[in-house]
């Protein structure tokens, strides 16, 4: 299932008159890996957007669109090193994961607003 990031990636490729192999070569990855990213079957590498920006001289608007699309495409989140976190943070992460399916949209919006207000 092609996601928004895959659509934008394909648009960049087509707008530059490239086939999949051309873009994959420029990004130093295999065509099959790039295709899987375009089709939403593989996670988007963290360094992909900066590489695209540099190689294709993307404007700020396109970079922002790619970043937003990447965030929307995330289907799995891993929390590494739980053992290195404080007990409070570890307990919070585990409790949130256990209760996540029970959160209604109204509470989710309130929580998201809270998180945005308290960003670093």
PDB file of N, CA and C in Angstrom:
ATOM      1  N   UNK A   1       0.836  -1.171   0.000  1.00  0.00           N
ATOM      2  CA  UNK A   1       0.000   0.000   0.000  1.00  0.00           C
ATOM      3  C   UNK A   1       0.890   1.247   0.000  1.00  0.00           C
ATOM      4  N   UNK A   2       0.807   2.021  -1.035  1.00  0.00           N
ATOM      5  CA  UNK A   2       1.629   3.218  -1.155  1.00  0.00           C
ATOM      6  C   UNK A   2       1.135   4.266  -0.162  1.00  0.00           C
ATOM      7  N   UNK A   3       2.072   4.807   0.614  1.00  0.00           N
ATOM      8  CA  UNK A   3       1.712   5.844   1.579  1.00  0.00           C
ATOM      9  C   UNK A   3       2.081   7.216   1.007  1.00  0.00           C
ATOM     10  N   UNK A   4       1.799   8.261   1.770  1.00  0.00           N
ATOM     11  CA  UNK A   4       2.055   9.621   1.303  1.00  0.00           C
ATOM     12  C   UNK A   4       3.543   9.853   1.028  1.00  0.00           C
ATOM     13  N   UNK A   5       4.416   9.295   1.869  1.00  0.00           N
ATOM     14  CA  UNK A   5       5.850   9.448   1.647  1.00  0.00           C
ATOM     15  C   UNK A   5       6.246   8.821   0.316  1.00  0.00           C
ATOM     16  N   UNK A   6       5.733   7.625   0.059  1.00  0.00           N
ATOM     17  CA  UNK A   6       6.039   6.947  -1.200  1.00  0.00           C
ATOM     18  C   UNK A   6       5.581   7.750  -2.410  1.00  0.00           C
ATOM     19  N   UNK A   7       4.425   8.384  -2.297  1.00  0.00           N
ATOM     20  CA  UNK A   7       3.919   9.221  -3.396  1.00  0.00           C
ATOM     21  C   UNK A   7       4.847  10.412  -3.638  1.00  0.00           C
ATOM     22  N   UNK A   8       5.292  11.045  -2.556  1.00  0.00           N
ATOM     23  CA  UNK A   8       6.197  12.191  -2.709  1.00  0.00           C
ATOM     24  C   UNK A   8       7.548  11.759  -3.278  1.00  0.00           C
ATOM     25  N   UNK A   9       8.046  10.633  -2.810  1.00  0.00           N
ATOM     26  CA  UNK A   9       9.316  10.108  -3.310  1.00  0.00           C
ATOM     27  C   UNK A   9       9.219   9.816  -4.803  1.00  0.00           C
ATOM     28  N   UNK A  10       8.141   9.182  -5.206  1.00  0.00           N
ATOM     29  CA  UNK A  10       7.913   8.880  -6.626  1.00  0.00           C
ATOM     30  C   UNK A  10       7.806  10.175  -7.438  1.00  0.00           C
ATOM     31  N   UNK A  11       7.132  11.184  -6.892  1.00  0.00           N
ATOM     32  CA  UNK A  11       6.992  12.471  -7.587  1.00  0.00           C
ATOM     33  C   UNK A  11       8.357  13.102  -7.827  1.00  0.00           C
ATOM     34  N   UNK A  12       9.209  13.098  -6.797  1.00  0.00           N
ATOM     35  CA  UNK A  12      10.559  13.653  -6.949  1.00  0.00           C
ATOM     36  C   UNK A  12      11.297  12.916  -8.059  1.00  0.00           C
ATOM     37  N   UNK A  13      11.194  11.608  -8.046  1.00  0.00           N
ATOM     38  CA  UNK A  13      11.893  10.785  -9.032  1.00  0.00           C
ATOM     39  C   UNK A  13      11.399  11.092 -10.445  1.00  0.00           C
ATOM     40  N   UNK A  14      10.086  11.123 -10.626  1.00  0.00           N
ATOM     41  CA  UNK A  14       9.500  11.356 -11.954  1.00  0.00           C
ATOM     42  C   UNK A  14       9.763  12.786 -12.419  1.00  0.00           C
ATOM     43  N   UNK A  15       9.635  13.753 -11.493  1.00  0.00           N
ATOM     44  CA  UNK A  15       9.903  15.153 -11.854  1.00  0.00           C
ATOM     45  C   UNK A  15      11.339  15.359 -12.332  1.00  0.00           C
ATOM     46  N   UNK A  16      12.234  14.488 -11.879  1.00  0.00           N
ATOM     47  CA  UNK A  16      13.630  14.572 -12.303  1.00  0.00           C
ATOM     48  C   UNK A  16      13.940  13.637 -13.471  1.00  0.00           C
ATOM     49  N   UNK A  17      12.899  13.044 -14.050  1.00  0.00           N
ATOM     50  CA  UNK A  17      13.060  12.194 -15.224  1.00  0.00           C
ATOM     51  C   UNK A  17      13.877  10.947 -14.973  1.00  0.00           C
ATOM     52  N   UNK A  18      13.760  10.405 -13.766  1.00  0.00           N
ATOM     53  CA  UNK A  18      14.567   9.244 -13.406  1.00  0.00           C
ATOM     54  C   UNK A  18      13.719   7.986 -13.268  1.00  0.00           C
ATOM     55  N   UNK A  19      14.342   6.877 -13.608  1.00  0.00           N
ATOM     56  CA  UNK A  19      13.737   5.591 -13.295  1.00  0.00           C
ATOM     57  C   UNK A  19      14.206   5.202 -11.892  1.00  0.00           C
ATOM     58  N   UNK A  20      13.598   4.195 -11.343  1.00  0.00           N
ATOM     59  CA  UNK A  20      13.903   3.768  -9.981  1.00  0.00           C
ATOM     60  C   UNK A  20      15.396   3.531  -9.779  1.00  0.00           C
ATOM     61  N   UNK A  21      16.039   2.884 -10.720  1.00  0.00           N
ATOM     62  CA  UNK A  21      17.467   2.569 -10.599  1.00  0.00           C
ATOM     63  C   UNK A  21      18.305   3.833 -10.516  1.00  0.00           C
ATOM     64  N   UNK A  22      17.952   4.861 -11.294  1.00  0.00           N
ATOM     65  CA  UNK A  22      18.711   6.119 -11.252  1.00  0.00           C
ATOM     66  C   UNK A  22      18.703   6.718  -9.847  1.00  0.00           C
ATOM     67  N   UNK A  23      17.499   6.821  -9.260  1.00  0.00           N
ATOM     68  CA  UNK A  23      17.394   7.401  -7.931  1.00  0.00           C
ATOM     69  C   UNK A  23      18.086   6.508  -6.901  1.00  0.00           C
ATOM     70  N   UNK A  24      17.895   5.218  -7.009  1.00  0.00           N
ATOM     71  CA  UNK A  24      18.521   4.284  -6.071  1.00  0.00           C
ATOM     72  C   UNK A  24      20.043   4.416  -6.115  1.00  0.00           C
ATOM     73  N   UNK A  25      20.599   4.525  -7.309  1.00  0.00           N
ATOM     74  CA  UNK A  25      22.052   4.690  -7.436  1.00  0.00           C
ATOM     75  C   UNK A  25      22.515   5.977  -6.762  1.00  0.00           C
ATOM     76  N   UNK A  26      21.786   7.071  -6.966  1.00  0.00           N
ATOM     77  CA  UNK A  26      22.158   8.343  -6.357  1.00  0.00           C
ATOM     78  C   UNK A  26      22.075   8.267  -4.831  1.00  0.00           C
ATOM     79  N   UNK A  27      21.107   7.507  -4.323  1.00  0.00           N
ATOM     80  CA  UNK A  27      20.913   7.377  -2.878  1.00  0.00           C
ATOM     81  C   UNK A  27      21.753   6.257  -2.277  1.00  0.00           C
ATOM     82  N   UNK A  28      22.509   5.564  -3.143  1.00  0.00           N
ATOM     83  CA  UNK A  28      23.387   4.469  -2.729  1.00  0.00           C
ATOM     84  C   UNK A  28      22.619   3.368  -2.014  1.00  0.00           C
ATOM     85  N   UNK A  29      21.533   2.938  -2.667  1.00  0.00           N
ATOM     86  CA  UNK A  29      20.752   1.807  -2.162  1.00  0.00           C
ATOM     87  C   UNK A  29      20.305   0.979  -3.355  1.00  0.00           C
ATOM     88  N   UNK A  30      19.794  -0.201  -3.090  1.00  0.00           N
ATOM     89  CA  UNK A  30      19.331  -1.038  -4.189  1.00  0.00           C
ATOM     90  C   UNK A  30      17.974  -0.556  -4.695  1.00  0.00           C
ATOM     91  N   UNK A  31      17.683  -0.891  -5.939  1.00  0.00           N
ATOM     92  CA  UNK A  31      16.387  -0.537  -6.513  1.00  0.00           C
ATOM     93  C   UNK A  31      15.253  -1.208  -5.761  1.00  0.00           C
ATOM     94  N   UNK A  32      15.473  -2.433  -5.331  1.00  0.00           N
ATOM     95  CA  UNK A  32      14.411  -3.149  -4.618  1.00  0.00           C
ATOM     96  C   UNK A  32      14.119  -2.496  -3.263  1.00  0.00           C
ATOM     97  N   UNK A  33      15.147  -2.008  -2.583  1.00  0.00           N
ATOM     98  CA  UNK A  33      14.949  -1.335  -1.300  1.00  0.00           C
ATOM     99  C   UNK A  33      14.196  -0.024  -1.503  1.00  0.00           C
ATOM    100  N   UNK A  34      14.594   0.758  -2.502  1.00  0.00           N
ATOM    101  CA  UNK A  34      13.912   2.015  -2.796  1.00  0.00           C
ATOM    102  C   UNK A  34      12.464   1.755  -3.191  1.00  0.00           C
ATOM    103  N   UNK A  35      12.241   0.729  -3.986  1.00  0.00           N
ATOM    104  CA  UNK A  35      10.876   0.368  -4.377  1.00  0.00           C
ATOM    105  C   UNK A  35      10.037   0.012  -3.152  1.00  0.00           C
ATOM    106  N   UNK A  36      10.617  -0.723  -2.226  1.00  0.00           N
ATOM    107  CA  UNK A  36       9.896  -1.110  -1.008  1.00  0.00           C
ATOM    108  C   UNK A  36       9.547   0.125  -0.168  1.00  0.00           C
ATOM    109  N   UNK A  37      10.433   1.123  -0.154  1.00  0.00           N
ATOM    110  CA  UNK A  37      10.131   2.368   0.552  1.00  0.00           C
ATOM    111  C   UNK A  37       8.989   3.089  -0.151  1.00  0.00           C
ATOM    112  N   UNK A  38       9.073   3.190  -1.473  1.00  0.00           N
ATOM    113  CA  UNK A  38       8.011   3.846  -2.255  1.00  0.00           C
ATOM    114  C   UNK A  38       6.663   3.179  -2.045  1.00  0.00           C
ATOM    115  N   UNK A  39       6.665   1.868  -1.927  1.00  0.00           N
ATOM    116  CA  UNK A  39       5.418   1.111  -1.789  1.00  0.00           C
ATOM    117  C   UNK A  39       4.945   0.996  -0.342  1.00  0.00           C
ATOM    118  N   UNK A  40       5.706   1.550   0.588  1.00  0.00           N
ATOM    119  CA  UNK A  40       5.316   1.509   1.991  1.00  0.00           C
ATOM    120  C   UNK A  40       5.568   0.181   2.664  1.00  0.00           C
ATOM    121  N   UNK A  41       6.443  -0.639   2.076  1.00  0.00           N
ATOM    122  CA  UNK A  41       6.729  -1.957   2.646  1.00  0.00           C
ATOM    123  C   UNK A  41       7.965  -1.960   3.535  1.00  0.00           C
ATOM    124  N   UNK A  42       8.753  -0.885   3.488  1.00  0.00           N
ATOM    125  CA  UNK A  42       9.955  -0.779   4.318  1.00  0.00           C
ATOM    126  C   UNK A  42       9.927   0.541   5.063  1.00  0.00           C
ATOM    127  N   UNK A  43      10.550   0.550   6.236  1.00  0.00           N
ATOM    128  CA  UNK A  43      10.665   1.786   7.003  1.00  0.00           C
ATOM    129  C   UNK A  43      11.547   2.778   6.264  1.00  0.00           C
ATOM    130  N   UNK A  44      11.312   4.041   6.521  1.00  0.00           N
ATOM    131  CA  UNK A  44      12.063   5.113   5.875  1.00  0.00           C
ATOM    132  C   UNK A  44      13.315   5.379   6.703  1.00  0.00           C
ATOM    133  N   UNK A  45      14.493   5.220   6.108  1.00  0.00           N
ATOM    134  CA  UNK A  45      15.728   5.468   6.866  1.00  0.00           C
ATOM    135  C   UNK A  45      15.788   6.917   7.359  1.00  0.00           C
ATOM    136  N   UNK A  46      16.355   7.113   8.533  1.00  0.00           N
ATOM    137  CA  UNK A  46      16.440   8.450   9.124  1.00  0.00           C
ATOM    138  C   UNK A  46      17.223   9.434   8.271  1.00  0.00           C
ATOM    139  N   UNK A  47      18.203   8.940   7.520  1.00  0.00           N
ATOM    140  CA  UNK A  47      19.037   9.842   6.731  1.00  0.00           C
ATOM    141  C   UNK A  47      18.508  10.078   5.311  1.00  0.00           C
ATOM    142  N   UNK A  48      17.362   9.515   4.971  1.00  0.00           N
ATOM    143  CA  UNK A  48      16.876   9.613   3.592  1.00  0.00           C
ATOM    144  C   UNK A  48      16.459  11.037   3.211  1.00  0.00           C
ATOM    145  N   UNK A  49      15.716  11.710   4.062  1.00  0.00           N
ATOM    146  CA  UNK A  49      15.243  13.056   3.710  1.00  0.00           C
ATOM    147  C   UNK A  49      16.411  14.021   3.524  1.00  0.00           C
ATOM    148  N   UNK A  50      17.402  14.063   4.435  1.00  0.00           N
ATOM    149  CA  UNK A  50      18.548  14.952   4.184  1.00  0.00           C
ATOM    150  C   UNK A  50      19.296  14.618   2.888  1.00  0.00           C
ATOM    151  N   UNK A  51      19.391  13.341   2.570  1.00  0.00           N
ATOM    152  CA  UNK A  51      20.061  12.947   1.325  1.00  0.00           C
ATOM    153  C   UNK A  51      19.262  13.402   0.116  1.00  0.00           C
ATOM    154  N   UNK A  52      17.938  13.224   0.172  1.00  0.00           N
ATOM    155  CA  UNK A  52      17.086  13.688  -0.921  1.00  0.00           C
ATOM    156  C   UNK A  52      17.201  15.202  -1.096  1.00  0.00           C
ATOM    157  N   UNK A  53      17.184  15.910   0.038  1.00  0.00           N
ATOM    158  CA  UNK A  53      17.272  17.372   0.007  1.00  0.00           C
ATOM    159  C   UNK A  53      18.553  17.825  -0.694  1.00  0.00           C
ATOM    160  N   UNK A  54      19.645  17.192  -0.355  1.00  0.00           N
ATOM    161  CA  UNK A  54      20.943  17.572  -0.922  1.00  0.00           C
ATOM    162  C   UNK A  54      21.050  17.179  -2.397  1.00  0.00           C
ATOM    163  N   UNK A  55      20.705  15.954  -2.706  1.00  0.00           N
ATOM    164  CA  UNK A  55      20.868  15.449  -4.075  1.00  0.00           C
ATOM    165  C   UNK A  55      19.933  16.158  -5.057  1.00  0.00           C
ATOM    166  N   UNK A  56      18.691  16.403  -4.617  1.00  0.00           N
ATOM    167  CA  UNK A  56      17.685  16.977  -5.527  1.00  0.00           C
ATOM    168  C   UNK A  56      17.418  18.458  -5.264  1.00  0.00           C
ATOM    169  N   UNK A  57      18.216  19.068  -4.391  1.00  0.00           N
ATOM    170  CA  UNK A  57      18.089  20.495  -4.100  1.00  0.00           C
ATOM    171  C   UNK A  57      16.633  20.867  -3.795  1.00  0.00           C
ATOM    172  N   UNK A  58      16.047  20.128  -2.838  1.00  0.00           N
ATOM    173  CA  UNK A  58      14.634  20.323  -2.500  1.00  0.00           C
ATOM    174  C   UNK A  58      14.436  21.610  -1.725  1.00  0.00           C
ATOM    175  N   UNK A  59      13.302  22.259  -1.969  1.00  0.00           N
ATOM    176  CA  UNK A  59      12.992  23.471  -1.215  1.00  0.00           C
ATOM    177  C   UNK A  59      12.433  23.093   0.157  1.00  0.00           C
ATOM    178  N   UNK A  60      12.338  24.090   1.029  1.00  0.00           N
ATOM    179  CA  UNK A  60      11.887  23.850   2.404  1.00  0.00           C
ATOM    180  C   UNK A  60      10.489  23.256   2.464  1.00  0.00           C
ATOM    181  N   UNK A  61       9.613  23.674   1.563  1.00  0.00           N
ATOM    182  CA  UNK A  61       8.242  23.168   1.539  1.00  0.00           C
ATOM    183  C   UNK A  61       8.222  21.654   1.301  1.00  0.00           C
ATOM    184  N   UNK A  62       9.018  21.197   0.335  1.00  0.00           N
ATOM    185  CA  UNK A  62       9.054  19.762   0.021  1.00  0.00           C
ATOM    186  C   UNK A  62       9.686  18.972   1.163  1.00  0.00           C
ATOM    187  N   UNK A  63      10.715  19.517   1.778  1.00  0.00           N
ATOM    188  CA  UNK A  63      11.350  18.838   2.913  1.00  0.00           C
ATOM    189  C   UNK A  63      10.344  18.674   4.045  1.00  0.00           C
ATOM    190  N   UNK A  64       9.585  19.728   4.313  1.00  0.00           N
ATOM    191  CA  UNK A  64       8.565  19.675   5.360  1.00  0.00           C
ATOM    192  C   UNK A  64       7.486  18.647   5.010  1.00  0.00           C
ATOM    193  N   UNK A  65       7.047  18.622   3.765  1.00  0.00           N
ATOM    194  CA  UNK A  65       6.054  17.627   3.337  1.00  0.00           C
ATOM    195  C   UNK A  65       6.580  16.216   3.531  1.00  0.00           C
ATOM    196  N   UNK A  66       7.836  15.995   3.170  1.00  0.00           N
ATOM    197  CA  UNK A  66       8.443  14.669   3.348  1.00  0.00           C
ATOM    198  C   UNK A  66       8.509  14.292   4.829  1.00  0.00           C
ATOM    199  N   UNK A  67       8.896  15.242   5.675  1.00  0.00           N
ATOM    200  CA  UNK A  67       8.986  14.965   7.111  1.00  0.00           C
ATOM    201  C   UNK A  67       7.617  14.626   7.698  1.00  0.00           C
ATOM    202  N   UNK A  68       6.598  15.376   7.300  1.00  0.00           N
ATOM    203  CA  UNK A  68       5.241  15.104   7.795  1.00  0.00           C
ATOM    204  C   UNK A  68       4.746  13.753   7.286  1.00  0.00           C
ATOM    205  N   UNK A  69       5.013  13.465   6.013  1.00  0.00           N
ATOM    206  CA  UNK A  69       4.590  12.185   5.445  1.00  0.00           C
ATOM    207  C   UNK A  69       5.317  11.022   6.117  1.00  0.00           C
ATOM    208  N   UNK A  70       6.583  11.223   6.452  1.00  0.00           N
ATOM    209  CA  UNK A  70       7.339  10.171   7.148  1.00  0.00           C
ATOM    210  C   UNK A  70       6.709   9.880   8.501  1.00  0.00           C
ATOM    211  N   UNK A  71       6.368  10.938   9.246  1.00  0.00           N
ATOM    212  CA  UNK A  71       5.743  10.757  10.555  1.00  0.00           C
ATOM    213  C   UNK A  71       4.428   9.994  10.444  1.00  0.00           C
ATOM    214  N   UNK A  72       3.639  10.301   9.428  1.00  0.00           N
ATOM    215  CA  UNK A  72       2.345   9.642   9.249  1.00  0.00           C
ATOM    216  C   UNK A  72       2.496   8.189   8.826  1.00  0.00           C
ATOM    217  N   UNK A  73       3.641   7.842   8.237  1.00  0.00           N
ATOM    218  CA  UNK A  73       3.822   6.481   7.718  1.00  0.00           C
ATOM    219  C   UNK A  73       4.358   5.509   8.761  1.00  0.00           C
ATOM    220  N   UNK A  74       4.750   6.019   9.911  1.00  0.00           N
ATOM    221  CA  UNK A  74       5.336   5.149  10.935  1.00  0.00           C
ATOM    222  C   UNK A  74       4.274   4.194  11.464  1.00  0.00           C
ATOM    223  N   UNK A  75       4.550   2.909  11.348  1.00  0.00           N
ATOM    224  CA  UNK A  75       3.598   1.904  11.816  1.00  0.00           C
ATOM    225  C   UNK A  75       4.099   1.160  13.050  1.00  0.00           C
ATOM    226  N   UNK A  76       5.372   1.374  13.389  1.00  0.00           N
ATOM    227  CA  UNK A  76       5.951   0.666  14.530  1.00  0.00           C
ATOM    228  C   UNK A  76       6.970   1.584  15.193  1.00  0.00           C
ATOM    229  N   UNK A  77       6.894   1.653  16.501  1.00  0.00           N
ATOM    230  CA  UNK A  77       7.839   2.458  17.261  1.00  0.00           C
ATOM    231  C   UNK A  77       8.517   1.559  18.275  1.00  0.00           C
ATOM    232  N   UNK A  78       9.830   1.650  18.338  1.00  0.00           N
ATOM    233  CA  UNK A  78      10.585   0.875  19.304  1.00  0.00           C
ATOM    234  C   UNK A  78      11.154   1.805  20.359  1.00  0.00           C
ATOM    235  N   UNK A  79      11.124   1.362  21.593  1.00  0.00           N
ATOM    236  CA  UNK A  79      11.747   2.104  22.684  1.00  0.00           C
ATOM    237  C   UNK A  79      12.962   1.290  23.104  1.00  0.00           C
ATOM    238  N   UNK A  80      14.128   1.856  22.851  1.00  0.00           N
ATOM    239  CA  UNK A  80      15.366   1.152  23.163  1.00  0.00           C
ATOM    240  C   UNK A  80      15.829   1.459  24.581  1.00  0.00           C
ATOM    241  N   UNK A  81      16.525   0.535  25.131  1.00  0.00           N
ATOM    242  CA  UNK A  81      17.215   0.702  26.411  1.00  0.00           C
ATOM    243  C   UNK A  81      16.273   1.062  27.555  1.00  0.00           C
ATOM    244  N   UNK A  82      15.170   0.347  27.673  1.00  0.00           N
ATOM    245  CA  UNK A  82      14.271   0.587  28.808  1.00  0.00           C
ATOM    246  C   UNK A  82      15.010   0.426  30.134  1.00  0.00           C
ATOM    247  N   UNK A  83      15.957  -0.478  30.153  1.00  0.00           N
ATOM    248  CA  UNK A  83      16.688  -0.717  31.397  1.00  0.00           C
ATOM    249  C   UNK A  83      17.554   0.471  31.803  1.00  0.00           C
ATOM    250  N   UNK A  84      17.861   1.355  30.842  1.00  0.00           N
ATOM    251  CA  UNK A  84      18.695   2.520  31.148  1.00  0.00           C
ATOM    252  C   UNK A  84      17.864   3.738  31.551  1.00  0.00           C
ATOM    253  N   UNK A  85      16.547   3.623  31.452  1.00  0.00           N
ATOM    254  CA  UNK A  85      15.669   4.741  31.817  1.00  0.00           C
ATOM    255  C   UNK A  85      15.417   4.736  33.324  1.00  0.00           C
ATOM    256  N   UNK A  86      14.970   5.880  33.805  1.00  0.00           N
ATOM    257  CA  UNK A  86      14.559   5.928  35.211  1.00  0.00           C
ATOM    258  C   UNK A  86      13.332   5.032  35.361  1.00  0.00           C
ATOM    259  N   UNK A  87      13.051   4.598  36.576  1.00  0.00           N
ATOM    260  CA  UNK A  87      11.872   3.762  36.827  1.00  0.00           C
ATOM    261  C   UNK A  87      10.596   4.465  36.392  1.00  0.00           C
ATOM    262  N   UNK A  88      10.515   5.784  36.643  1.00  0.00           N
ATOM    263  CA  UNK A  88       9.324   6.551  36.269  1.00  0.00           C
ATOM    264  C   UNK A  88       9.088   6.525  34.768  1.00  0.00           C
ATOM    265  N   UNK A  89      10.147   6.787  33.981  1.00  0.00           N
ATOM    266  CA  UNK A  89      10.011   6.816  32.524  1.00  0.00           C
ATOM    267  C   UNK A  89       9.693   5.427  31.969  1.00  0.00           C
ATOM    268  N   UNK A  90      10.361   4.412  32.503  1.00  0.00           N
ATOM    269  CA  UNK A  90      10.110   3.046  32.045  1.00  0.00           C
ATOM    270  C   UNK A  90       8.663   2.643  32.337  1.00  0.00           C
ATOM    271  N   UNK A  91       8.196   2.912  33.554  1.00  0.00           N
ATOM    272  CA  UNK A  91       6.825   2.557  33.924  1.00  0.00           C
ATOM    273  C   UNK A  91       5.804   3.310  33.070  1.00  0.00           C
ATOM    274  N   UNK A  92       6.087   4.588  32.803  1.00  0.00           N
ATOM    275  CA  UNK A  92       5.190   5.378  31.967  1.00  0.00           C
ATOM    276  C   UNK A  92       5.105   4.801  30.551  1.00  0.00           C
ATOM    277  N   UNK A  93       6.260   4.481  29.964  1.00  0.00           N
ATOM    278  CA  UNK A  93       6.280   3.934  28.605  1.00  0.00           C
ATOM    279  C   UNK A  93       5.510   2.618  28.527  1.00  0.00           C
ATOM    280  N   UNK A  94       5.720   1.746  29.492  1.00  0.00           N
ATOM    281  CA  UNK A  94       5.044   0.447  29.491  1.00  0.00           C
ATOM    282  C   UNK A  94       3.544   0.592  29.725  1.00  0.00           C
ATOM    283  N   UNK A  95       3.164   1.460  30.642  1.00  0.00           N
ATOM    284  CA  UNK A  95       1.743   1.670  30.919  1.00  0.00           C
ATOM    285  C   UNK A  95       1.038   2.292  29.710  1.00  0.00           C
ATOM    286  N   UNK A  96       1.695   3.241  29.071  1.00  0.00           N
ATOM    287  CA  UNK A  96       1.122   3.860  27.872  1.00  0.00           C
ATOM    288  C   UNK A  96       0.914   2.815  26.780  1.00  0.00           C
ATOM    289  N   UNK A  97       1.910   1.962  26.573  1.00  0.00           N
ATOM    290  CA  UNK A  97       1.795   0.921  25.550  1.00  0.00           C
ATOM    291  C   UNK A  97       0.646  -0.039  25.856  1.00  0.00           C
ATOM    292  N   UNK A  98       0.499  -0.402  27.137  1.00  0.00           N
ATOM    293  CA  UNK A  98      -0.576  -1.324  27.522  1.00  0.00           C
ATOM    294  C   UNK A  98      -1.958  -0.713  27.322  1.00  0.00           C
ATOM    295  N   UNK A  99      -2.093   0.577  27.584  1.00  0.00           N
ATOM    296  CA  UNK A  99      -3.411   1.235  27.553  1.00  0.00           C
ATOM    297  C   UNK A  99      -3.712   1.942  26.234  1.00  0.00           C
ATOM    298  N   UNK A 100      -2.779   1.946  25.312  1.00  0.00           N
ATOM    299  CA  UNK A 100      -2.916   2.739  24.093  1.00  0.00           C
ATOM    300  C   UNK A 100      -4.206   2.453  23.328  1.00  0.00           C
ATOM    301  N   UNK A 101      -4.560   1.201  23.184  1.00  0.00           N
ATOM    302  CA  UNK A 101      -5.765   0.841  22.422  1.00  0.00           C
ATOM    303  C   UNK A 101      -7.047   1.363  23.065  1.00  0.00           C
ATOM    304  N   UNK A 102      -7.014   1.688  24.339  1.00  0.00           N
ATOM    305  CA  UNK A 102      -8.207   2.162  25.045  1.00  0.00           C
ATOM    306  C   UNK A 102      -8.347   3.684  25.054  1.00  0.00           C
ATOM    307  N   UNK A 103      -7.393   4.390  24.477  1.00  0.00           N
ATOM    308  CA  UNK A 103      -7.443   5.853  24.460  1.00  0.00           C
ATOM    309  C   UNK A 103      -8.438   6.315  23.406  1.00  0.00           C
ATOM    310  N   UNK A 104      -9.383   7.166  23.796  1.00  0.00           N
ATOM    311  CA  UNK A 104     -10.337   7.684  22.814  1.00  0.00           C
ATOM    312  C   UNK A 104      -9.744   8.922  22.130  1.00  0.00           C
ATOM    313  N   UNK A 105     -10.368   9.349  21.047  1.00  0.00           N
ATOM    314  CA  UNK A 105      -9.846  10.457  20.252  1.00  0.00           C
ATOM    315  C   UNK A 105      -9.764  11.760  21.033  1.00  0.00           C
ATOM    316  N   UNK A 106     -10.728  12.009  21.904  1.00  0.00           N
ATOM    317  CA  UNK A 106     -10.727  13.255  22.676  1.00  0.00           C
ATOM    318  C   UNK A 106      -9.506  13.306  23.602  1.00  0.00           C
ATOM    319  N   UNK A 107      -9.252  12.199  24.299  1.00  0.00           N
ATOM    320  CA  UNK A 107      -8.091  12.165  25.185  1.00  0.00           C
ATOM    321  C   UNK A 107      -6.800  12.226  24.376  1.00  0.00           C
ATOM    322  N   UNK A 108      -6.765  11.564  23.224  1.00  0.00           N
ATOM    323  CA  UNK A 108      -5.577  11.580  22.367  1.00  0.00           C
ATOM    324  C   UNK A 108      -5.248  13.009  21.938  1.00  0.00           C
ATOM    325  N   UNK A 109      -6.278  13.776  21.595  1.00  0.00           N
ATOM    326  CA  UNK A 109      -6.062  15.172  21.192  1.00  0.00           C
ATOM    327  C   UNK A 109      -5.509  15.986  22.361  1.00  0.00           C
ATOM    328  N   UNK A 110      -6.078  15.802  23.550  1.00  0.00           N
ATOM    329  CA  UNK A 110      -5.593  16.528  24.732  1.00  0.00           C
ATOM    330  C   UNK A 110      -4.137  16.167  25.026  1.00  0.00           C
ATOM    331  N   UNK A 111      -3.825  14.901  24.916  1.00  0.00           N
ATOM    332  CA  UNK A 111      -2.459  14.451  25.175  1.00  0.00           C
ATOM    333  C   UNK A 111      -1.501  15.016  24.129  1.00  0.00           C
ATOM    334  N   UNK A 112      -1.921  15.029  22.877  1.00  0.00           N
ATOM    335  CA  UNK A 112      -1.085  15.582  21.800  1.00  0.00           C
ATOM    336  C   UNK A 112      -0.856  17.077  22.021  1.00  0.00           C
ATOM    337  N   UNK A 113      -1.895  17.803  22.394  1.00  0.00           N
ATOM    338  CA  UNK A 113      -1.753  19.232  22.688  1.00  0.00           C
ATOM    339  C   UNK A 113      -0.765  19.451  23.826  1.00  0.00           C
ATOM    340  N   UNK A 114      -0.882  18.631  24.875  1.00  0.00           N
ATOM    341  CA  UNK A 114       0.036  18.720  26.013  1.00  0.00           C
ATOM    342  C   UNK A 114       1.475  18.484  25.549  1.00  0.00           C
ATOM    343  N   UNK A 115       1.690  17.457  24.741  1.00  0.00           N
ATOM    344  CA  UNK A 115       3.044  17.116  24.268  1.00  0.00           C
ATOM    345  C   UNK A 115       3.618  18.249  23.419  1.00  0.00           C
ATOM    346  N   UNK A 116       2.806  18.849  22.580  1.00  0.00           N
ATOM    347  CA  UNK A 116       3.292  19.947  21.733  1.00  0.00           C
ATOM    348  C   UNK A 116       3.675  21.167  22.569  1.00  0.00           C
ATOM    349  N   UNK A 117       2.916  21.427  23.619  1.00  0.00           N
ATOM    350  CA  UNK A 117       3.223  22.568  24.495  1.00  0.00           C
ATOM    351  C   UNK A 117       4.495  22.344  25.293  1.00  0.00           C
ATOM    352  N   UNK A 118       4.881  21.100  25.488  1.00  0.00           N
ATOM    353  CA  UNK A 118       6.025  20.791  26.339  1.00  0.00           C
ATOM    354  C   UNK A 118       7.206  20.215  25.567  1.00  0.00           C
ATOM    355  N   UNK A 119       7.318  20.564  24.289  1.00  0.00           N
ATOM    356  CA  UNK A 119       8.460  20.128  23.499  1.00  0.00           C
ATOM    357  C   UNK A 119       9.702  20.889  23.928  1.00  0.00           C
ATOM    358  N   UNK A 120      10.842  20.242  23.755  1.00  0.00           N
ATOM    359  CA  UNK A 120      12.125  20.915  24.089  1.00  0.00           C
ATOM    360  C   UNK A 120      12.405  22.020  23.120  1.00  0.00           C
TER     361      UNK A 120
END
